[in-house]
Amino acid sequence: MITKEMIDRINYLYHKSKNEGLTDEEKIEQSKLRMEYVKEIRQRVKQQLDSIKFVDEDNCHDDCCHHHHHH
């Protein structure tokens, strides 16, 4: 789970890397944090996509699919 502390640590390491550089241990930590963050974001997006229901236009009632009317 992405926590505020995790975000704060990612931001801290990013700024430290730009200003003074990171130790090897911090570089490894930064890499792990970023991978965990991206993994969770991907899972959230997948869950959202999996929950989308597509309307099957062939099964739609006449009153909701006006573009199928032929006059």
PDB file of N, CA and C in Angstrom:
ATOM      1  N   MET A   1       0.841  -1.183   0.000  1.00  0.00           N
ATOM      2  CA  MET A   1       0.000   0.000   0.000  1.00  0.00           C
ATOM      3  C   MET A   1       0.887   1.247   0.000  1.00  0.00           C
ATOM      4  N   ILE A   2       0.507   2.213  -0.804  1.00  0.00           N
ATOM      5  CA  ILE A   2       1.263   3.458  -0.863  1.00  0.00           C
ATOM      6  C   ILE A   2       0.859   4.334   0.318  1.00  0.00           C
ATOM      7  N   THR A   3       1.844   4.669   1.147  1.00  0.00           N
ATOM      8  CA  THR A   3       1.580   5.496   2.321  1.00  0.00           C
ATOM      9  C   THR A   3       2.170   6.886   2.105  1.00  0.00           C
ATOM     10  N   LYS A   4       1.743   7.820   2.956  1.00  0.00           N
ATOM     11  CA  LYS A   4       2.312   9.170   2.896  1.00  0.00           C
ATOM     12  C   LYS A   4       3.809   9.114   3.168  1.00  0.00           C
ATOM     13  N   GLU A   5       4.216   8.254   4.097  1.00  0.00           N
ATOM     14  CA  GLU A   5       5.628   8.118   4.420  1.00  0.00           C
ATOM     15  C   GLU A   5       6.431   7.630   3.218  1.00  0.00           C
ATOM     16  N   MET A   6       5.833   6.716   2.464  1.00  0.00           N
ATOM     17  CA  MET A   6       6.494   6.192   1.274  1.00  0.00           C
ATOM     18  C   MET A   6       6.687   7.306   0.234  1.00  0.00           C
ATOM     19  N   ILE A   7       5.639   8.083   0.017  1.00  0.00           N
ATOM     20  CA  ILE A   7       5.720   9.209  -0.929  1.00  0.00           C
ATOM     21  C   ILE A   7       6.761  10.218  -0.445  1.00  0.00           C
ATOM     22  N   ASP A   8       6.732  10.528   0.843  1.00  0.00           N
ATOM     23  CA  ASP A   8       7.696  11.477   1.411  1.00  0.00           C
ATOM     24  C   ASP A   8       9.128  10.979   1.208  1.00  0.00           C
ATOM     25  N   ARG A   9       9.328   9.686   1.415  1.00  0.00           N
ATOM     26  CA  ARG A   9      10.671   9.119   1.280  1.00  0.00           C
ATOM     27  C   ARG A   9      11.118   9.153  -0.182  1.00  0.00           C
ATOM     28  N   ILE A  10      10.226   8.826  -1.110  1.00  0.00           N
ATOM     29  CA  ILE A  10      10.551   8.898  -2.543  1.00  0.00           C
ATOM     30  C   ILE A  10      10.958  10.323  -2.909  1.00  0.00           C
ATOM     31  N   ASN A  11      10.180  11.298  -2.434  1.00  0.00           N
ATOM     32  CA  ASN A  11      10.481  12.700  -2.732  1.00  0.00           C
ATOM     33  C   ASN A  11      11.808  13.126  -2.109  1.00  0.00           C
ATOM     34  N   TYR A  12      12.038  12.697  -0.851  1.00  0.00           N
ATOM     35  CA  TYR A  12      13.286  13.032  -0.172  1.00  0.00           C
ATOM     36  C   TYR A  12      14.488  12.493  -0.948  1.00  0.00           C
ATOM     37  N   LEU A  13      14.417  11.223  -1.327  1.00  0.00           N
ATOM     38  CA  LEU A  13      15.529  10.606  -2.046  1.00  0.00           C
ATOM     39  C   LEU A  13      15.740  11.266  -3.403  1.00  0.00           C
ATOM     40  N   TYR A  14      14.649  11.640  -4.057  1.00  0.00           N
ATOM     41  CA  TYR A  14      14.763  12.321  -5.354  1.00  0.00           C
ATOM     42  C   TYR A  14      15.518  13.639  -5.193  1.00  0.00           C
ATOM     43  N   HIS A  15      15.087  14.452  -4.239  1.00  0.00           N
ATOM     44  CA  HIS A  15      15.729  15.756  -4.031  1.00  0.00           C
ATOM     45  C   HIS A  15      17.183  15.600  -3.577  1.00  0.00           C
ATOM     46  N   LYS A  16      17.440  14.630  -2.715  1.00  0.00           N
ATOM     47  CA  LYS A  16      18.813  14.393  -2.264  1.00  0.00           C
ATOM     48  C   LYS A  16      19.691  13.964  -3.439  1.00  0.00           C
ATOM     49  N   SER A  17      19.127  13.149  -4.340  1.00  0.00           N
ATOM     50  CA  SER A  17      19.913  12.679  -5.487  1.00  0.00           C
ATOM     51  C   SER A  17      20.292  13.852  -6.393  1.00  0.00           C
ATOM     52  N   LYS A  18      19.421  14.857  -6.489  1.00  0.00           N
ATOM     53  CA  LYS A  18      19.687  16.027  -7.330  1.00  0.00           C
ATOM     54  C   LYS A  18      20.684  16.971  -6.663  1.00  0.00           C
ATOM     55  N   ASN A  19      20.628  17.077  -5.335  1.00  0.00           N
ATOM     56  CA  ASN A  19      21.452  18.047  -4.618  1.00  0.00           C
ATOM     57  C   ASN A  19      22.843  17.520  -4.268  1.00  0.00           C
ATOM     58  N   GLU A  20      22.886  16.366  -3.601  1.00  0.00           N
ATOM     59  CA  GLU A  20      24.182  15.901  -3.104  1.00  0.00           C
ATOM     60  C   GLU A  20      24.524  14.482  -3.523  1.00  0.00           C
ATOM     61  N   GLY A  21      23.570  13.791  -4.132  1.00  0.00           N
ATOM     62  CA  GLY A  21      23.820  12.415  -4.535  1.00  0.00           C
ATOM     63  C   GLY A  21      23.417  11.432  -3.449  1.00  0.00           C
ATOM     64  N   LEU A  22      23.209  10.190  -3.847  1.00  0.00           N
ATOM     65  CA  LEU A  22      22.767   9.149  -2.921  1.00  0.00           C
ATOM     66  C   LEU A  22      23.877   8.140  -2.688  1.00  0.00           C
ATOM     67  N   THR A  23      23.850   7.528  -1.514  1.00  0.00           N
ATOM     68  CA  THR A  23      24.742   6.401  -1.257  1.00  0.00           C
ATOM     69  C   THR A  23      24.217   5.196  -2.046  1.00  0.00           C
ATOM     70  N   ASP A  24      25.028   4.167  -2.158  1.00  0.00           N
ATOM     71  CA  ASP A  24      24.584   2.957  -2.860  1.00  0.00           C
ATOM     72  C   ASP A  24      23.336   2.376  -2.201  1.00  0.00           C
ATOM     73  N   GLU A  25      23.300   2.397  -0.865  1.00  0.00           N
ATOM     74  CA  GLU A  25      22.137   1.871  -0.149  1.00  0.00           C
ATOM     75  C   GLU A  25      20.885   2.692  -0.473  1.00  0.00           C
ATOM     76  N   GLU A  26      21.036   4.007  -0.530  1.00  0.00           N
ATOM     77  CA  GLU A  26      19.887   4.866  -0.844  1.00  0.00           C
ATOM     78  C   GLU A  26      19.426   4.673  -2.279  1.00  0.00           C
ATOM     79  N   LYS A  27      20.363   4.436  -3.190  1.00  0.00           N
ATOM     80  CA  LYS A  27      19.986   4.173  -4.585  1.00  0.00           C
ATOM     81  C   LYS A  27      19.148   2.898  -4.683  1.00  0.00           C
ATOM     82  N   ILE A  28      19.555   1.867  -3.938  1.00  0.00           N
ATOM     83  CA  ILE A  28      18.808   0.606  -3.920  1.00  0.00           C
ATOM     84  C   ILE A  28      17.421   0.835  -3.310  1.00  0.00           C
ATOM     85  N   GLU A  29      17.378   1.566  -2.202  1.00  0.00           N
ATOM     86  CA  GLU A  29      16.099   1.866  -1.554  1.00  0.00           C
ATOM     87  C   GLU A  29      15.184   2.646  -2.505  1.00  0.00           C
ATOM     88  N   GLN A  30      15.749   3.637  -3.189  1.00  0.00           N
ATOM     89  CA  GLN A  30      14.965   4.450  -4.119  1.00  0.00           C
ATOM     90  C   GLN A  30      14.383   3.577  -5.235  1.00  0.00           C
ATOM     91  N   SER A  31      15.198   2.684  -5.758  1.00  0.00           N
ATOM     92  CA  SER A  31      14.754   1.794  -6.823  1.00  0.00           C
ATOM     93  C   SER A  31      13.619   0.892  -6.351  1.00  0.00           C
ATOM     94  N   LYS A  32      13.765   0.326  -5.146  1.00  0.00           N
ATOM     95  CA  LYS A  32      12.722  -0.555  -4.595  1.00  0.00           C
ATOM     96  C   LYS A  32      11.424   0.215  -4.351  1.00  0.00           C
ATOM     97  N   LEU A  33      11.547   1.419  -3.786  1.00  0.00           N
ATOM     98  CA  LEU A  33      10.350   2.234  -3.523  1.00  0.00           C
ATOM     99  C   LEU A  33       9.622   2.567  -4.821  1.00  0.00           C
ATOM    100  N   ARG A  34      10.391   2.949  -5.835  1.00  0.00           N
ATOM    101  CA  ARG A  34       9.779   3.297  -7.126  1.00  0.00           C
ATOM    102  C   ARG A  34       9.083   2.092  -7.757  1.00  0.00           C
ATOM    103  N   MET A  35       9.732   0.921  -7.677  1.00  0.00           N
ATOM    104  CA  MET A  35       9.124  -0.293  -8.245  1.00  0.00           C
ATOM    105  C   MET A  35       7.829  -0.636  -7.527  1.00  0.00           C
ATOM    106  N   GLU A  36       7.836  -0.518  -6.206  1.00  0.00           N
ATOM    107  CA  GLU A  36       6.639  -0.812  -5.412  1.00  0.00           C
ATOM    108  C   GLU A  36       5.518   0.169  -5.746  1.00  0.00           C
ATOM    109  N   TYR A  37       5.876   1.443  -5.886  1.00  0.00           N
ATOM    110  CA  TYR A  37       4.908   2.493  -6.220  1.00  0.00           C
ATOM    111  C   TYR A  37       4.272   2.213  -7.586  1.00  0.00           C
ATOM    112  N   VAL A  38       5.110   1.955  -8.580  1.00  0.00           N
ATOM    113  CA  VAL A  38       4.606   1.704  -9.937  1.00  0.00           C
ATOM    114  C   VAL A  38       3.746   0.442  -9.973  1.00  0.00           C
ATOM    115  N   LYS A  39       4.167  -0.590  -9.249  1.00  0.00           N
ATOM    116  CA  LYS A  39       3.406  -1.849  -9.193  1.00  0.00           C
ATOM    117  C   LYS A  39       1.993  -1.598  -8.658  1.00  0.00           C
ATOM    118  N   GLU A  40       1.893  -0.816  -7.589  1.00  0.00           N
ATOM    119  CA  GLU A  40       0.583  -0.554  -7.003  1.00  0.00           C
ATOM    120  C   GLU A  40      -0.282   0.301  -7.931  1.00  0.00           C
ATOM    121  N   ILE A  41       0.319   1.291  -8.566  1.00  0.00           N
ATOM    122  CA  ILE A  41      -0.440   2.128  -9.504  1.00  0.00           C
ATOM    123  C   ILE A  41      -0.975   1.265 -10.650  1.00  0.00           C
ATOM    124  N   ARG A  42      -0.141   0.362 -11.163  1.00  0.00           N
ATOM    125  CA  ARG A  42      -0.597  -0.538 -12.239  1.00  0.00           C
ATOM    126  C   ARG A  42      -1.776  -1.390 -11.776  1.00  0.00           C
ATOM    127  N   GLN A  43      -1.706  -1.901 -10.533  1.00  0.00           N
ATOM    128  CA  GLN A  43      -2.806  -2.728 -10.011  1.00  0.00           C
ATOM    129  C   GLN A  43      -4.088  -1.909  -9.908  1.00  0.00           C
ATOM    130  N   ARG A  44      -3.970  -0.665  -9.452  1.00  0.00           N
ATOM    131  CA  ARG A  44      -5.157   0.192  -9.333  1.00  0.00           C
ATOM    132  C   ARG A  44      -5.785   0.452 -10.700  1.00  0.00           C
ATOM    133  N   VAL A  45      -4.943   0.753 -11.681  1.00  0.00           N
ATOM    134  CA  VAL A  45      -5.456   1.022 -13.027  1.00  0.00           C
ATOM    135  C   VAL A  45      -6.115  -0.233 -13.591  1.00  0.00           C
ATOM    136  N   LYS A  46      -5.488  -1.382 -13.399  1.00  0.00           N
ATOM    137  CA  LYS A  46      -6.065  -2.642 -13.889  1.00  0.00           C
ATOM    138  C   LYS A  46      -7.421  -2.907 -13.244  1.00  0.00           C
ATOM    139  N   GLN A  47      -7.525  -2.662 -11.938  1.00  0.00           N
ATOM    140  CA  GLN A  47      -8.802  -2.862 -11.255  1.00  0.00           C
ATOM    141  C   GLN A  47      -9.873  -1.937 -11.833  1.00  0.00           C
ATOM    142  N   GLN A  48      -9.495  -0.700 -12.105  1.00  0.00           N
ATOM    143  CA  GLN A  48     -10.460   0.243 -12.671  1.00  0.00           C
ATOM    144  C   GLN A  48     -10.894  -0.209 -14.061  1.00  0.00           C
ATOM    145  N   LEU A  49      -9.933  -0.649 -14.868  1.00  0.00           N
ATOM    146  CA  LEU A  49     -10.265  -1.098 -16.215  1.00  0.00           C
ATOM    147  C   LEU A  49     -11.126  -2.355 -16.180  1.00  0.00           C
ATOM    148  N   ASP A  50     -10.814  -3.260 -15.264  1.00  0.00           N
ATOM    149  CA  ASP A  50     -11.582  -4.501 -15.143  1.00  0.00           C
ATOM    150  C   ASP A  50     -13.021  -4.238 -14.698  1.00  0.00           C
ATOM    151  N   SER A  51     -13.242  -3.122 -14.010  1.00  0.00           N
ATOM    152  CA  SER A  51     -14.585  -2.833 -13.506  1.00  0.00           C
ATOM    153  C   SER A  51     -15.465  -2.123 -14.536  1.00  0.00           C
ATOM    154  N   ILE A  52     -14.860  -1.701 -15.647  1.00  0.00           N
ATOM    155  CA  ILE A  52     -15.648  -1.003 -16.677  1.00  0.00           C
ATOM    156  C   ILE A  52     -16.519  -2.017 -17.412  1.00  0.00           C
ATOM    157  N   LYS A  53     -17.780  -1.675 -17.551  1.00  0.00           N
ATOM    158  CA  LYS A  53     -18.702  -2.522 -18.303  1.00  0.00           C
ATOM    159  C   LYS A  53     -19.005  -1.849 -19.646  1.00  0.00           C
ATOM    160  N   PHE A  54     -18.807  -2.596 -20.700  1.00  0.00           N
ATOM    161  CA  PHE A  54     -19.080  -2.054 -22.025  1.00  0.00           C
ATOM    162  C   PHE A  54     -20.518  -2.385 -22.403  1.00  0.00           C
ATOM    163  N   VAL A  55     -21.185  -1.420 -22.978  1.00  0.00           N
ATOM    164  CA  VAL A  55     -22.566  -1.620 -23.403  1.00  0.00           C
ATOM    165  C   VAL A  55     -22.551  -2.346 -24.742  1.00  0.00           C
ATOM    166  N   ASP A  56     -23.307  -3.401 -24.808  1.00  0.00           N
ATOM    167  CA  ASP A  56     -23.447  -4.149 -26.058  1.00  0.00           C
ATOM    168  C   ASP A  56     -24.594  -3.508 -26.838  1.00  0.00           C
ATOM    169  N   GLU A  57     -24.259  -2.808 -27.893  1.00  0.00           N
ATOM    170  CA  GLU A  57     -25.274  -2.043 -28.627  1.00  0.00           C
ATOM    171  C   GLU A  57     -26.349  -2.941 -29.246  1.00  0.00           C
ATOM    172  N   ASP A  58     -26.019  -4.172 -29.562  1.00  0.00           N
ATOM    173  CA  ASP A  58     -26.996  -5.078 -30.167  1.00  0.00           C
ATOM    174  C   ASP A  58     -28.103  -5.445 -29.181  1.00  0.00           C
ATOM    175  N   ASN A  59     -27.825  -5.386 -27.893  1.00  0.00           N
ATOM    176  CA  ASN A  59     -28.820  -5.723 -26.880  1.00  0.00           C
ATOM    177  C   ASN A  59     -29.484  -4.488 -26.280  1.00  0.00           C
ATOM    178  N   CYS A  60     -29.225  -3.358 -26.853  1.00  0.00           N
ATOM    179  CA  CYS A  60     -29.739  -2.099 -26.318  1.00  0.00           C
ATOM    180  C   CYS A  60     -31.186  -1.911 -26.779  1.00  0.00           C
ATOM    181  N   HIS A  61     -32.014  -1.328 -25.904  1.00  0.00           N
ATOM    182  CA  HIS A  61     -33.404  -1.040 -26.265  1.00  0.00           C
ATOM    183  C   HIS A  61     -33.456   0.110 -27.261  1.00  0.00           C
ATOM    184  N   ASP A  62     -34.496   0.145 -28.056  1.00  0.00           N
ATOM    185  CA  ASP A  62     -34.625   1.189 -29.078  1.00  0.00           C
ATOM    186  C   ASP A  62     -34.565   2.593 -28.487  1.00  0.00           C
ATOM    187  N   ASP A  63     -35.123   2.776 -27.300  1.00  0.00           N
ATOM    188  CA  ASP A  63     -35.185   4.123 -26.740  1.00  0.00           C
ATOM    189  C   ASP A  63     -33.831   4.615 -26.224  1.00  0.00           C
ATOM    190  N   CYS A  64     -32.850   3.752 -26.104  1.00  0.00           N
ATOM    191  CA  CYS A  64     -31.549   4.230 -25.628  1.00  0.00           C
ATOM    192  C   CYS A  64     -30.505   4.269 -26.742  1.00  0.00           C
ATOM    193  N   CYS A  65     -30.804   3.716 -27.879  1.00  0.00           N
ATOM    194  CA  CYS A  65     -29.836   3.697 -28.975  1.00  0.00           C
ATOM    195  C   CYS A  65     -30.415   4.399 -30.186  1.00  0.00           C
ATOM    196  N   HIS A  66     -30.529   5.682 -30.098  1.00  0.00           N
ATOM    197  CA  HIS A  66     -31.154   6.464 -31.153  1.00  0.00           C
ATOM    198  C   HIS A  66     -30.415   6.361 -32.474  1.00  0.00           C
ATOM    199  N   HIS A  67     -29.152   6.112 -32.443  1.00  0.00           N
ATOM    200  CA  HIS A  67     -28.371   6.067 -33.685  1.00  0.00           C
ATOM    201  C   HIS A  67     -28.683   4.828 -34.527  1.00  0.00           C
ATOM    202  N   HIS A  68     -29.463   3.881 -33.992  1.00  0.00           N
ATOM    203  CA  HIS A  68     -29.843   2.692 -34.756  1.00  0.00           C
ATOM    204  C   HIS A  68     -31.180   2.860 -35.491  1.00  0.00           C
ATOM    205  N   HIS A  69     -31.875   3.949 -35.230  1.00  0.00           N
ATOM    206  CA  HIS A  69     -33.173   4.170 -35.872  1.00  0.00           C
ATOM    207  C   HIS A  69     -33.000   4.473 -37.343  1.00  0.00           C
ATOM    208  N   HIS A  70     -33.831   3.850 -38.149  1.00  0.00           N
ATOM    209  CA  HIS A  70     -33.846   4.130 -39.587  1.00  0.00           C
ATOM    210  C   HIS A  70     -35.241   4.609 -39.948  1.00  0.00           C
ATOM    211  N   HIS A  71     -35.310   5.823 -40.449  1.00  0.00           N
ATOM    212  CA  HIS A  71     -36.639   6.381 -40.805  1.00  0.00           C
ATOM    213  C   HIS A  71     -36.844   6.331 -42.279  1.00  0.00           C
TER     214      HIS A  71
END
